[in-house]
Amino acid sequence: MRHRLFTIASRSSSRKQPSPLASRSFSRLSSQSDRPSFGIAFDIDGVVLPGHTPIGGSPRALRRLYDDSGKLKIPFVFLTNGGGFSESKRAQDLGQLLGVNILPSQVVDLLNVLSIDEYTSCFDSIDPLAPYKTWTTKPDIDQNSTSNDMVNRKIAVLCDKLRIGGLPGKETGKQPHLFFANDDLEYQATFPAERLGMGALRIALEAIYNRIHPIPLAYTSYGKPNPFVYGNAETMLRNLMPSLLSNLDVENTTNSGIRCFKTLYMIGDNPKSGIRGARQAGDPWFSILTRTGVFKGKDNHSEFPANLVMDTVEDAVNFILRKEYGF
């Protein structure tokens, strides 16, 4: 089923906060229903929080997915291309910042990988900038100058490894498998302007490698918008159901062969990443684009339009609960 594309332009000045009555009604309705027929995947940066400051009413939005006792009632996960932390650490930090209990199984994150600094430390003289890393004071560099660090160190080392197919310093060999954790060109962090992501590194590396090597660079990109990520997110959402249902309900759901969710909502701020991935994943995914991150346009994105455009994540969650429960 293809969802109709539409845009809702909501404004903070006219936003109505959910009343206590609505919250109590949600608790009663959830306890009486067999199981929720939908799940939610949240991007983190640009949707829930950039850095360590919640945005878009995210604490209030997430609290609506729990009952009055703090028990999870609506299955949701955080689907992020960010990395550098374990799922347990990320869940703990998110829970403290957002004021709700987040399980490690609710975080679809990237695994930690070997950094370029860790790799170059294994070889003598491979890093041409190593002698200058003992600076004790910040060097006086003009703000408009361009550092050679990226080209001479990171990309040069990567090209060495890829051309040789083994340890640096040997003859050219077959290119080893190359995997990118994600292909985000840009993302929204604490700094007002978008930051360049791993997709920018991929573009630079591919351009340089293809100029110095007769065989084009071969690689595989994971993370959003790869459809595999959304299949994995659906599995993790399904795995949350035992904590919401009785044992009989879980057994019937598992053995019936029927899809667990009628609708899966993806709430993201980057049309080229989270929204594009939800579109490619297809049914039952429904994409909601917020204006608190990379995307700040008035209308829907022209190349990768979402099913719905809203100002904030709180607006998005309120829309979902109205659509699913009528309030």
Protein backbone atom coordinates (compact mmCIF):
# COMPACT_ATOMS: atom_id res chain seq x y z
CA MET A 1 0.00 0.00 0.00
CA ARG A 2 1.43 3.36 -0.96
CA HIS A 3 0.74 6.16 1.49
CA ARG A 4 -0.53 9.45 0.14
CA LEU A 5 2.04 12.24 0.26
CA PHE A 6 0.93 15.30 2.15
CA THR A 7 2.27 18.11 4.31
CA ILE A 8 0.98 19.52 7.56
CA ALA A 9 2.44 22.92 8.43
CA SER A 10 2.14 23.17 12.20
CA ARG A 11 3.43 26.08 14.20
CA SER A 12 4.68 26.15 17.78
CA SER A 13 2.45 29.09 18.64
CA SER A 14 -0.69 27.12 17.87
CA ARG A 15 0.46 23.73 19.16
CA LYS A 16 -1.79 22.22 21.82
CA GLN A 17 -0.18 20.19 24.56
CA PRO A 18 -1.80 16.82 25.37
CA SER A 19 -4.11 17.19 28.33
CA PRO A 20 -3.90 14.97 31.43
CA LEU A 21 -7.23 13.47 30.38
CA ALA A 22 -5.76 12.44 27.05
CA SER A 23 -2.79 10.79 28.79
CA ARG A 24 -5.11 8.86 31.13
CA SER A 25 -7.30 7.83 28.20
CA PHE A 26 -4.22 6.53 26.41
CA SER A 27 -3.27 4.44 29.43
CA ARG A 28 -6.75 2.90 29.66
CA LEU A 29 -6.98 2.26 25.93
CA SER A 30 -3.54 0.68 25.77
CA SER A 31 -4.27 -1.65 28.67
CA GLN A 32 -7.48 -2.81 27.04
CA SER A 33 -6.04 -3.48 23.58
CA ASP A 34 -4.38 -6.78 22.73
CA ARG A 35 -1.26 -5.19 21.28
CA PRO A 36 -0.17 -2.03 19.48
CA SER A 37 -0.41 -2.41 15.72
CA PHE A 38 2.36 0.09 15.01
CA GLY A 39 5.92 0.94 15.98
CA ILE A 40 8.11 4.04 15.76
CA ALA A 41 11.74 4.57 14.74
CA PHE A 42 13.34 7.87 15.78
CA ASP A 43 16.45 9.43 14.34
CA ILE A 44 18.53 11.04 17.10
CA ASP A 45 20.59 13.96 15.74
CA GLY A 46 18.33 16.69 14.46
CA VAL A 47 15.13 15.02 15.71
CA VAL A 48 15.45 14.15 19.39
CA LEU A 49 18.61 15.97 20.40
CA PRO A 50 21.73 17.43 18.80
CA GLY A 51 24.54 16.85 21.24
CA HIS A 52 23.16 16.85 24.78
CA THR A 53 20.16 19.19 24.55
CA PRO A 54 16.69 17.80 23.79
CA ILE A 55 14.83 19.58 20.97
CA GLY A 56 11.35 19.67 19.51
CA GLY A 57 9.59 18.70 22.75
CA SER A 58 11.21 15.26 22.58
CA PRO A 59 10.97 14.47 26.34
CA ARG A 60 7.21 15.15 26.32
CA ALA A 61 6.80 13.20 23.08
CA LEU A 62 8.56 10.10 24.38
CA ARG A 63 6.74 10.15 27.71
CA ARG A 64 3.48 9.73 25.79
CA LEU A 65 4.72 6.28 24.72
CA TYR A 66 4.76 5.06 28.36
CA ASP A 67 1.94 4.57 30.82
CA ASP A 68 1.59 6.45 34.11
CA SER A 69 3.86 3.97 35.90
CA GLY A 70 6.66 4.41 33.35
CA LYS A 71 6.08 1.09 31.59
CA LEU A 72 6.62 1.08 27.84
CA LYS A 73 3.31 0.83 25.96
CA ILE A 74 4.29 1.63 22.37
CA PRO A 75 7.34 -0.12 20.86
CA PHE A 76 9.94 2.31 19.54
CA VAL A 77 13.63 2.31 18.68
CA PHE A 78 16.29 4.89 17.95
CA LEU A 79 17.62 4.39 14.43
CA THR A 80 20.85 6.36 14.06
CA ASN A 81 23.85 6.42 11.75
CA GLY A 82 25.93 7.76 14.62
CA GLY A 83 28.49 5.56 16.32
CA GLY A 84 31.31 5.58 18.80
CA PHE A 85 29.31 4.27 21.79
CA SER A 86 27.92 0.92 22.80
CA GLU A 87 24.15 0.45 22.74
CA SER A 88 24.06 0.23 26.55
CA LYS A 89 25.99 3.49 26.94
CA ARG A 90 23.86 5.26 24.34
CA ALA A 91 20.65 3.99 25.98
CA GLN A 92 21.79 5.19 29.40
CA ASP A 93 22.68 8.65 28.11
CA LEU A 94 19.44 9.00 26.16
CA GLY A 95 17.39 7.92 29.17
CA GLN A 96 19.02 10.52 31.41
CA LEU A 97 18.60 13.32 28.88
CA LEU A 98 15.02 12.47 27.92
CA GLY A 99 13.69 11.38 31.32
CA VAL A 100 12.47 7.90 30.31
CA ASN A 101 13.81 4.37 30.63
CA ILE A 102 15.58 3.35 27.41
CA LEU A 103 16.71 -0.24 26.90
CA PRO A 104 19.89 -1.10 24.97
CA SER A 105 17.67 -3.17 22.67
CA GLN A 106 15.92 0.07 21.65
CA VAL A 107 19.09 1.51 20.12
CA VAL A 108 20.00 0.53 16.54
CA ASP A 109 23.52 1.93 16.49
CA LEU A 110 26.81 1.36 14.68
CA LEU A 111 29.55 -0.81 16.09
CA ASN A 112 32.82 0.71 17.15
CA VAL A 113 35.52 0.31 14.53
CA LEU A 114 39.29 0.79 14.38
CA SER A 115 40.07 4.48 13.96
CA ILE A 116 42.58 5.79 11.43
CA ASP A 117 44.81 6.98 14.30
CA GLU A 118 44.80 3.51 15.85
CA TYR A 119 45.65 1.96 12.49
CA THR A 120 48.51 4.34 11.63
CA SER A 121 50.05 3.85 15.08
CA CYS A 122 50.96 0.31 13.98
CA PHE A 123 53.37 1.54 11.27
CA ASP A 124 56.46 3.73 11.37
CA SER A 125 56.56 6.78 9.07
CA ILE A 126 53.17 6.09 7.47
CA ASP A 127 51.76 9.31 8.93
CA PRO A 128 53.62 12.33 7.49
CA LEU A 129 52.14 14.61 10.16
CA ALA A 130 53.24 12.51 13.12
CA PRO A 131 56.23 14.77 13.98
CA TYR A 132 53.89 17.74 14.35
CA LYS A 133 51.49 16.09 16.78
CA THR A 134 53.68 17.04 19.74
CA TRP A 135 52.56 20.69 19.54
CA THR A 136 51.86 22.05 23.01
CA THR A 137 50.28 25.28 21.76
CA LYS A 138 47.72 25.83 19.06
CA PRO A 139 49.50 26.74 15.77
CA ASP A 140 48.72 30.10 14.19
CA ILE A 141 46.78 29.06 11.07
CA ASP A 142 44.78 31.49 8.97
CA GLN A 143 41.06 30.70 9.13
CA ASN A 144 40.84 30.54 5.35
CA SER A 145 43.79 28.18 4.88
CA THR A 146 43.29 24.50 4.08
CA SER A 147 45.01 21.81 6.12
CA ASN A 148 46.66 18.87 4.36
CA ASP A 149 45.76 16.58 7.24
CA MET A 150 42.80 14.91 5.50
CA VAL A 151 44.63 14.29 2.20
CA ASN A 152 48.09 13.46 3.52
CA ARG A 153 47.03 11.28 6.38
CA LYS A 154 43.54 9.78 6.33
CA ILE A 155 42.90 9.49 2.59
CA ALA A 156 46.55 8.73 1.76
CA VAL A 157 46.63 5.87 4.26
CA LEU A 158 43.31 4.53 3.00
CA CYS A 159 44.53 4.65 -0.61
CA ASP A 160 47.69 2.79 0.42
CA LYS A 161 45.70 0.06 2.08
CA LEU A 162 43.20 -0.26 -0.77
CA ARG A 163 45.77 -0.27 -3.60
CA ILE A 164 48.03 -2.77 -1.91
CA GLY A 165 45.42 -5.19 -0.63
CA GLY A 166 47.54 -5.94 2.44
CA LEU A 167 50.17 -4.28 4.59
CA PRO A 168 51.37 -0.87 3.39
CA GLY A 169 54.71 -0.82 1.60
CA LYS A 170 54.14 -3.88 -0.58
CA GLU A 171 53.34 -4.09 -4.27
CA THR A 172 49.90 -3.31 -5.63
CA GLY A 173 47.39 -6.11 -5.12
CA LYS A 174 43.68 -6.84 -5.19
CA GLN A 175 41.52 -4.31 -3.39
CA PRO A 176 40.17 -5.66 -0.08
CA HIS A 177 36.50 -5.32 0.78
CA LEU A 178 35.62 -1.77 1.81
CA PHE A 179 32.63 -1.04 4.01
CA PHE A 180 31.24 2.35 5.03
CA ALA A 181 29.19 2.42 8.22
CA ASN A 182 26.86 4.96 6.59
CA ASP A 183 26.69 7.29 3.61
CA ASP A 184 25.43 10.51 5.22
CA LEU A 185 26.81 13.54 3.39
CA GLU A 186 25.76 15.84 6.23
CA TYR A 187 24.04 15.72 9.58
CA GLN A 188 22.81 18.13 12.24
CA ALA A 189 24.87 18.41 15.40
CA THR A 190 25.11 21.12 18.08
CA PHE A 191 26.80 23.58 15.70
CA PRO A 192 24.18 25.63 13.78
CA ALA A 193 25.47 24.62 10.33
CA GLU A 194 25.28 21.00 9.20
CA ARG A 195 28.44 18.92 9.64
CA LEU A 196 29.94 16.70 6.94
CA GLY A 197 29.47 13.00 7.59
CA MET A 198 31.00 9.76 6.37
CA GLY A 199 29.40 10.23 2.95
CA ALA A 200 31.72 13.21 2.41
CA LEU A 201 34.72 11.03 3.18
CA ARG A 202 33.43 8.40 0.76
CA ILE A 203 33.06 11.00 -2.03
CA ALA A 204 36.57 12.39 -1.45
CA LEU A 205 38.19 8.95 -1.18
CA GLU A 206 36.43 7.62 -4.28
CA ALA A 207 37.39 10.66 -6.36
CA ILE A 208 41.08 10.48 -5.38
CA TYR A 209 41.36 6.69 -5.56
CA ASN A 210 39.84 6.57 -9.03
CA ARG A 211 42.36 9.15 -10.23
CA ILE A 212 45.40 7.16 -9.07
CA HIS A 213 44.18 3.62 -9.70
CA PRO A 214 43.02 2.06 -13.00
CA ILE A 215 40.23 0.05 -11.37
CA PRO A 216 37.39 2.08 -9.78
CA LEU A 217 36.89 1.85 -6.04
CA ALA A 218 34.48 -0.89 -4.96
CA TYR A 219 32.62 -0.48 -1.68
CA THR A 220 29.46 -1.26 0.29
CA SER A 221 27.61 1.35 2.38
CA TYR A 222 25.56 0.36 5.42
CA GLY A 223 23.39 2.51 7.66
CA LYS A 224 20.46 4.57 6.47
CA PRO A 225 19.18 4.63 3.73
CA ASN A 226 20.15 0.96 3.21
CA PRO A 227 16.87 -1.06 3.33
CA PHE A 228 18.63 -3.70 5.44
CA VAL A 229 18.64 -1.22 8.34
CA TYR A 230 14.86 -0.95 8.25
CA GLY A 231 14.40 -4.70 8.21
CA ASN A 232 16.65 -4.91 11.24
CA ALA A 233 14.70 -2.13 12.96
CA GLU A 234 11.44 -4.00 12.36
CA THR A 235 12.94 -7.10 13.92
CA MET A 236 14.07 -5.16 16.98
CA LEU A 237 10.64 -3.57 17.32
CA ARG A 238 9.07 -7.02 17.13
CA ASN A 239 11.46 -8.25 19.82
CA LEU A 240 10.13 -5.57 22.17
CA MET A 241 6.63 -7.04 22.04
CA PRO A 242 7.13 -9.70 24.77
CA SER A 243 7.51 -6.91 27.33
CA LEU A 244 4.15 -5.46 26.24
CA LEU A 245 2.09 -8.62 25.79
CA SER A 246 1.08 -11.75 27.65
CA ASN A 247 2.92 -14.96 26.80
CA LEU A 248 -0.12 -16.25 24.90
CA ASP A 249 -0.30 -13.09 22.77
CA VAL A 250 3.40 -13.34 21.94
CA GLU A 251 3.10 -17.00 20.97
CA ASN A 252 0.08 -16.36 18.76
CA THR A 253 1.78 -13.40 17.09
CA THR A 254 5.00 -15.33 16.49
CA ASN A 255 3.35 -18.46 15.11
CA SER A 256 0.65 -16.85 13.01
CA GLY A 257 3.00 -15.84 10.19
CA ILE A 258 1.19 -12.51 10.01
CA ARG A 259 3.17 -9.29 9.99
CA CYS A 260 3.39 -7.89 13.50
CA PHE A 261 2.84 -4.23 12.59
CA LYS A 262 0.36 -2.57 10.26
CA THR A 263 2.41 0.64 10.21
CA LEU A 264 5.98 1.52 11.11
CA TYR A 265 6.72 5.22 11.43
CA MET A 266 10.15 6.63 10.63
CA ILE A 267 10.71 10.12 12.10
CA GLY A 268 13.79 11.78 10.61
CA ASP A 269 15.26 15.16 9.70
CA ASN A 270 17.37 14.16 6.68
CA PRO A 271 15.45 13.49 3.43
CA LYS A 272 18.47 11.81 1.83
CA SER A 273 19.00 9.42 4.71
CA GLY A 274 16.17 8.37 7.01
CA ILE A 275 13.31 9.48 4.75
CA ARG A 276 14.84 8.03 1.61
CA GLY A 277 15.47 4.74 3.39
CA ALA A 278 11.87 4.48 4.60
CA ARG A 279 10.65 5.12 1.05
CA GLN A 280 12.91 2.39 -0.30
CA ALA A 281 11.87 -0.05 2.42
CA GLY A 282 8.23 0.40 1.39
CA ASP A 283 5.19 -0.99 3.18
CA PRO A 284 4.58 -0.82 6.15
CA TRP A 285 6.94 2.17 6.59
CA PHE A 286 5.46 5.67 6.83
CA SER A 287 7.97 8.53 6.84
CA ILE A 288 7.65 11.78 8.82
CA LEU A 289 10.12 14.59 8.11
CA THR A 290 10.79 17.19 10.82
CA ARG A 291 12.16 20.71 10.43
CA THR A 292 14.49 20.65 13.44
CA GLY A 293 17.60 19.28 11.73
CA VAL A 294 19.05 19.06 8.23
CA PHE A 295 15.69 19.82 6.62
CA LYS A 296 14.25 23.28 7.28
CA GLY A 297 12.11 23.81 4.19
CA LYS A 298 8.55 25.05 4.11
CA ASP A 299 7.30 22.40 1.69
CA ASN A 300 8.15 18.74 1.27
CA HIS A 301 11.54 17.71 -0.08
CA SER A 302 11.43 17.59 -3.88
CA GLU A 303 13.71 14.58 -4.48
CA PHE A 304 12.86 12.40 -1.48
CA PRO A 305 9.47 13.57 -0.20
CA ALA A 306 8.18 12.19 3.07
CA ASN A 307 4.66 10.96 3.66
CA LEU A 308 4.27 13.79 6.14
CA VAL A 309 6.16 16.97 7.07
CA MET A 310 5.87 18.45 10.57
CA ASP A 311 7.73 21.00 12.65
CA THR A 312 8.92 18.83 15.54
CA VAL A 313 9.10 15.29 16.85
CA GLU A 314 6.41 16.17 19.39
CA ASP A 315 4.07 17.14 16.54
CA ALA A 316 4.91 13.86 14.83
CA VAL A 317 4.15 11.72 17.89
CA ASN A 318 0.91 13.59 18.54
CA PHE A 319 -0.12 12.95 14.94
CA ILE A 320 0.65 9.23 15.25
CA LEU A 321 -1.38 8.83 18.44
CA ARG A 322 -4.32 10.74 16.94
CA LYS A 323 -4.17 8.57 13.85
CA GLU A 324 -3.88 5.29 15.73
CA TYR A 325 -6.03 5.98 18.79
CA GLY A 326 -8.17 8.98 17.87
CA PHE A 327 -6.73 11.51 20.35
